[in-house]
Amino acid sequence: MNVDKAVLTFAGIVVLLSLALGWYVSPYCFLLAAFAGVNMIQASFTGFCPAAIVFKKLGLRSGNAFS
């Protein structure tokens, strides 16, 4: 797995977790999905993604989007 796939997988997990928590716990948990979406949008424009940095430090190989 490379950094790009790991970031997309992590973002998907965060969104699905946020939806589940928002449904069962509190509507405020939907803010986590909003944060993930905003972070994905800003990463597409700037190329900066904190999750990509963490995954690189964990030893995953670089991908095309986050090199």
Protein backbone atom coordinates (compact mmCIF):
# COMPACT_ATOMS: atom_id res chain seq x y z
CA MET A 1 0.00 0.00 0.00
CA ASN A 2 1.28 3.47 -0.81
CA VAL A 3 0.60 6.79 0.90
CA ASP A 4 -2.14 7.80 -1.55
CA LYS A 5 -4.20 4.67 -0.93
CA ALA A 6 -3.63 4.91 2.82
CA VAL A 7 -4.85 8.53 2.90
CA LEU A 8 -7.97 7.69 0.89
CA THR A 9 -8.69 4.67 3.09
CA PHE A 10 -8.22 6.72 6.25
CA ALA A 11 -10.48 9.51 4.96
CA GLY A 12 -13.18 6.99 4.09
CA ILE A 13 -12.98 5.42 7.53
CA VAL A 14 -13.20 8.83 9.21
CA VAL A 15 -16.26 9.80 7.17
CA LEU A 16 -18.06 6.50 7.82
CA LEU A 17 -17.18 6.61 11.53
CA SER A 18 -18.44 10.19 11.72
CA LEU A 19 -21.72 9.21 10.09
CA ALA A 20 -22.22 6.32 12.50
CA LEU A 21 -21.37 8.45 15.53
CA GLY A 22 -23.61 11.25 14.27
CA TRP A 23 -26.52 8.85 13.88
CA TYR A 24 -26.11 6.97 17.17
CA VAL A 25 -24.35 9.41 19.53
CA SER A 26 -24.72 13.08 18.67
CA PRO A 27 -25.34 15.20 15.58
CA TYR A 28 -22.22 17.17 16.48
CA CYS A 29 -20.18 14.17 15.34
CA PHE A 30 -21.10 15.09 11.75
CA LEU A 31 -18.59 17.91 12.14
CA LEU A 32 -15.85 15.29 11.90
CA ALA A 33 -17.07 14.38 8.39
CA ALA A 34 -17.11 18.08 7.49
CA PHE A 35 -13.54 18.46 8.75
CA ALA A 36 -12.43 15.45 6.69
CA GLY A 37 -14.07 16.89 3.59
CA VAL A 38 -12.51 20.31 4.05
CA ASN A 39 -9.12 18.70 4.63
CA MET A 40 -9.45 16.67 1.40
CA ILE A 41 -10.36 19.81 -0.56
CA GLN A 42 -7.45 21.82 0.81
CA ALA A 43 -5.06 18.91 0.18
CA SER A 44 -6.14 18.78 -3.45
CA PHE A 45 -5.19 22.44 -3.90
CA THR A 46 -2.10 22.68 -1.72
CA GLY A 47 -0.70 19.13 -1.70
CA PHE A 48 -0.35 19.35 2.10
CA CYS A 49 -1.96 16.53 4.05
CA PRO A 50 -1.10 15.79 7.69
CA ALA A 51 -2.19 12.16 7.31
CA ALA A 52 0.20 11.72 4.37
CA ILE A 53 3.07 12.97 6.52
CA VAL A 54 2.19 10.47 9.26
CA PHE A 55 1.92 7.59 6.79
CA LYS A 56 5.30 8.49 5.25
CA LYS A 57 6.89 8.46 8.70
CA LEU A 58 5.34 5.04 9.28
CA GLY A 59 7.28 3.78 6.27
CA LEU A 60 4.73 3.65 3.47
CA ARG A 61 6.12 4.36 0.02
CA SER A 62 5.18 7.58 -1.75
CA GLY A 63 2.42 7.68 -4.31
CA ASN A 64 1.61 10.05 -7.15
CA ALA A 65 -0.44 12.58 -5.22
CA PHE A 66 1.62 12.81 -2.03
CA SER A 67 5.26 12.35 -2.99
